[in-house]
């Protein structure tokens, strides 16, 4: 199976239709040769509707304020490969925020997907993405550690959502220090 066949199979997946109670819409963006692999938890409702990753306020904050790159760079499929631990919007939970994506998605898709990729940098956004690669490690420790996945540099970031305001207040060194390192790693590849 080549990468094109894999993507078509993924885009046709409807395994979680019953679980979600609505039509799933897998979201994936980029070419398998993109040097930056960006993995988050799951698409938001807005991304579900648009089919474009991080096409929401959190995404604007991530691209413009944190990474300090243009939309054209972020959405260039030859630079960024954008995927998720759960490829579909999982719906709202009973409290604040979205439900966690079903584990079956990562088991069925992400594990296979990663075999096609040849990144020079991994960016993991959110605790769910971090836990997939670094199970049983504390999220905040991961954000500030020097990490790698198969000897490829990796950064763990909190999700840029306003729901994480407490974490940002408790960890001001993320925006003050860690983002500088992340921007430098991105610009080294982009420029």
Protein backbone atom coordinates (compact mmCIF):
# COMPACT_ATOMS: atom_id res chain seq x y z
CA UNK A 1 0.00 0.00 0.00
CA UNK A 2 1.34 3.45 -0.86
CA UNK A 3 0.62 6.67 1.02
CA UNK A 4 -2.13 7.76 -1.41
CA UNK A 5 -3.99 4.49 -0.85
CA UNK A 6 -3.56 4.83 2.91
CA UNK A 7 -5.01 8.36 2.89
CA UNK A 8 -8.00 7.27 0.81
CA UNK A 9 -8.70 4.40 3.19
CA UNK A 10 -8.44 6.77 6.17
CA UNK A 11 -10.73 9.38 4.60
CA UNK A 12 -13.32 6.65 3.95
CA UNK A 13 -13.31 5.41 7.56
CA UNK A 14 -16.71 5.58 9.30
CA UNK A 15 -15.98 3.16 12.15
CA UNK A 16 -17.08 5.62 14.88
CA UNK A 17 -20.38 6.71 13.30
CA UNK A 18 -22.46 4.89 15.94
CA UNK A 19 -20.26 6.11 18.80
CA UNK A 20 -20.35 9.77 17.72
CA UNK A 21 -23.98 9.91 16.62
CA UNK A 22 -23.01 11.92 13.52
CA UNK A 23 -21.10 11.35 10.30
CA UNK A 24 -17.34 11.19 11.00
CA UNK A 25 -15.03 13.29 8.85
CA UNK A 26 -11.36 12.29 9.10
CA UNK A 27 -9.00 15.25 8.83
CA UNK A 28 -5.42 15.05 7.61
CA UNK A 29 -3.25 17.63 5.83
CA UNK A 30 0.11 17.37 4.13
CA UNK A 31 2.50 15.21 2.20
CA UNK A 32 4.34 12.28 3.69
CA UNK A 33 7.66 14.00 2.87
CA UNK A 34 6.88 17.12 4.93
CA UNK A 35 9.74 17.77 7.39
CA UNK A 36 7.51 18.95 10.28
CA UNK A 37 4.97 16.49 11.68
CA UNK A 38 2.38 18.24 13.85
CA UNK A 39 0.14 15.94 15.91
CA UNK A 40 -2.71 17.05 18.14
CA UNK A 41 -5.61 15.39 19.97
CA UNK A 42 -8.50 15.59 17.50
CA UNK A 43 -10.21 18.13 15.24
CA UNK A 44 -12.58 20.70 16.72
CA UNK A 45 -16.17 21.08 15.52
CA UNK A 46 -15.15 23.98 13.29
CA UNK A 47 -12.33 21.91 11.79
CA UNK A 48 -14.81 19.06 11.30
CA UNK A 49 -16.99 21.40 9.24
CA UNK A 50 -14.14 22.97 7.26
CA UNK A 51 -11.93 19.90 6.86
CA UNK A 52 -8.86 22.08 7.52
CA UNK A 53 -6.74 21.49 10.68
CA UNK A 54 -6.48 24.30 13.23
CA UNK A 55 -8.85 26.47 11.20
CA UNK A 56 -10.14 28.14 14.36
CA UNK A 57 -9.11 30.74 16.96
CA UNK A 58 -6.77 28.33 18.72
CA UNK A 59 -5.11 27.64 15.38
CA UNK A 60 -4.64 31.34 14.68
CA UNK A 61 -3.01 31.76 18.08
CA UNK A 62 -0.77 28.74 17.43
CA UNK A 63 0.35 29.87 13.97
CA UNK A 64 0.67 33.61 14.45
CA UNK A 65 1.55 34.12 18.13
CA UNK A 66 3.36 30.93 19.06
CA UNK A 67 5.06 29.75 15.85
CA UNK A 68 5.12 33.25 14.28
CA UNK A 69 4.62 31.87 10.79
CA UNK A 70 2.16 32.67 8.03
CA UNK A 71 -0.91 30.64 7.20
CA UNK A 72 0.73 29.86 3.84
CA UNK A 73 3.70 28.24 5.61
CA UNK A 74 1.58 26.30 8.11
CA UNK A 75 -0.73 24.96 5.43
CA UNK A 76 2.04 24.23 2.93
CA UNK A 77 1.75 20.43 2.55
CA UNK A 78 5.44 20.21 1.69
CA UNK A 79 6.43 21.80 5.02
CA UNK A 80 3.83 20.75 7.63
CA UNK A 81 2.11 17.40 7.95
CA UNK A 82 -0.92 17.95 10.22
CA UNK A 83 -2.58 14.98 11.84
CA UNK A 84 -4.20 13.87 15.10
CA UNK A 85 -4.29 11.00 17.54
CA UNK A 86 -8.01 10.89 16.70
CA UNK A 87 -8.64 11.87 13.10
CA UNK A 88 -12.29 12.89 13.56
CA UNK A 89 -14.10 15.36 15.78
CA UNK A 90 -15.30 13.17 18.69
CA UNK A 91 -18.20 15.36 19.89
CA UNK A 92 -18.73 17.32 23.11
CA UNK A 93 -18.39 15.76 26.52
CA UNK A 94 -20.81 16.42 29.37
CA UNK A 95 -18.57 19.06 30.93
CA UNK A 96 -16.39 21.62 29.21
CA UNK A 97 -14.60 20.76 25.99
CA UNK A 98 -14.61 17.92 23.50
CA UNK A 99 -14.62 14.20 24.21
CA UNK A 100 -11.36 12.35 23.99
CA UNK A 101 -10.94 10.54 20.69
CA UNK A 102 -11.57 6.80 20.76
CA UNK A 103 -8.35 4.81 21.30
CA UNK A 104 -9.20 2.64 18.32
CA UNK A 105 -8.39 5.54 15.97
CA UNK A 106 -4.74 5.80 17.01
CA UNK A 107 -4.43 2.01 17.06
CA UNK A 108 -5.94 1.64 13.61
CA UNK A 109 -4.60 4.73 11.84
CA UNK A 110 -1.86 6.74 13.54
CA UNK A 111 0.45 3.77 14.05
CA UNK A 112 0.28 2.95 10.33
CA UNK A 113 0.40 6.59 9.28
CA UNK A 114 3.68 7.26 11.07
CA UNK A 115 5.41 4.55 9.02
CA UNK A 116 4.98 6.66 5.86
CA UNK A 117 6.51 9.83 7.36
CA UNK A 118 10.14 11.00 7.38
CA UNK A 119 10.09 14.08 9.61
CA UNK A 120 12.94 16.23 10.87
CA UNK A 121 10.80 17.63 13.70
CA UNK A 122 7.79 16.47 15.73
CA UNK A 123 5.39 18.94 17.38
CA UNK A 124 2.90 17.29 19.76
CA UNK A 125 0.05 19.58 20.79
CA UNK A 126 -1.87 18.68 23.93
CA UNK A 127 -1.67 16.06 26.63
CA UNK A 128 -3.45 13.38 24.63
CA UNK A 129 -0.91 13.52 21.79
CA UNK A 130 1.95 13.63 24.31
CA UNK A 131 0.59 10.60 26.18
CA UNK A 132 0.42 8.57 22.96
CA UNK A 133 4.19 8.89 22.50
CA UNK A 134 5.29 9.25 26.12
CA UNK A 135 2.87 7.23 28.27
CA UNK A 136 2.98 7.54 32.05
CA UNK A 137 5.01 10.75 31.94
CA UNK A 138 3.74 14.00 33.44
CA UNK A 139 2.58 16.42 30.78
CA UNK A 140 4.29 19.50 32.24
CA UNK A 141 7.59 17.61 32.51
CA UNK A 142 7.30 16.66 28.84
CA UNK A 143 6.75 20.30 27.82
CA UNK A 144 10.03 21.32 29.41
CA UNK A 145 12.14 18.21 28.64
CA UNK A 146 14.40 17.75 25.64
CA UNK A 147 12.66 14.97 23.76
CA UNK A 148 13.02 12.85 20.68
CA UNK A 149 11.01 10.23 18.83
CA UNK A 150 13.30 7.73 17.11
CA UNK A 151 16.16 10.25 17.43
CA UNK A 152 14.10 13.01 15.80
CA UNK A 153 13.68 16.21 17.87
CA UNK A 154 10.26 16.58 19.46
CA UNK A 155 8.51 19.37 21.33
CA UNK A 156 5.38 18.95 23.44
CA UNK A 157 3.09 21.97 23.65
CA UNK A 158 -0.10 22.64 25.57
CA UNK A 159 -3.14 23.19 23.41
CA UNK A 160 -3.46 26.94 22.71
CA UNK A 161 -7.05 26.92 23.93
CA UNK A 162 -8.39 29.47 26.44
CA UNK A 163 -9.50 26.43 28.47
CA UNK A 164 -5.82 26.00 29.42
CA UNK A 165 -5.43 29.46 30.96
CA UNK A 166 -4.66 28.01 34.41
CA UNK A 167 -1.79 25.95 32.99
CA UNK A 168 -0.36 29.04 31.24
CA UNK A 169 -0.55 31.07 34.46
CA UNK A 170 1.18 28.29 36.41
CA UNK A 171 3.89 27.84 33.75
CA UNK A 172 4.85 31.29 32.41
CA UNK A 173 8.25 29.98 31.36
CA UNK A 174 6.57 28.13 28.48
CA UNK A 175 5.78 31.33 26.58
CA UNK A 176 8.86 33.11 27.89
CA UNK A 177 11.44 30.40 27.15
CA UNK A 178 10.20 27.21 25.48
CA UNK A 179 8.44 28.92 22.59
CA UNK A 180 11.73 30.55 21.60
CA UNK A 181 13.26 27.09 21.15
CA UNK A 182 10.22 25.83 19.23
CA UNK A 183 10.24 28.83 16.88
CA UNK A 184 13.96 28.39 16.24
CA UNK A 185 13.49 24.69 15.39
CA UNK A 186 10.64 25.52 12.98
CA UNK A 187 12.51 28.40 11.32
CA UNK A 188 15.61 26.24 10.87
CA UNK A 189 13.51 23.98 8.66
CA UNK A 190 11.28 26.60 7.02
CA UNK A 191 14.00 29.10 6.05
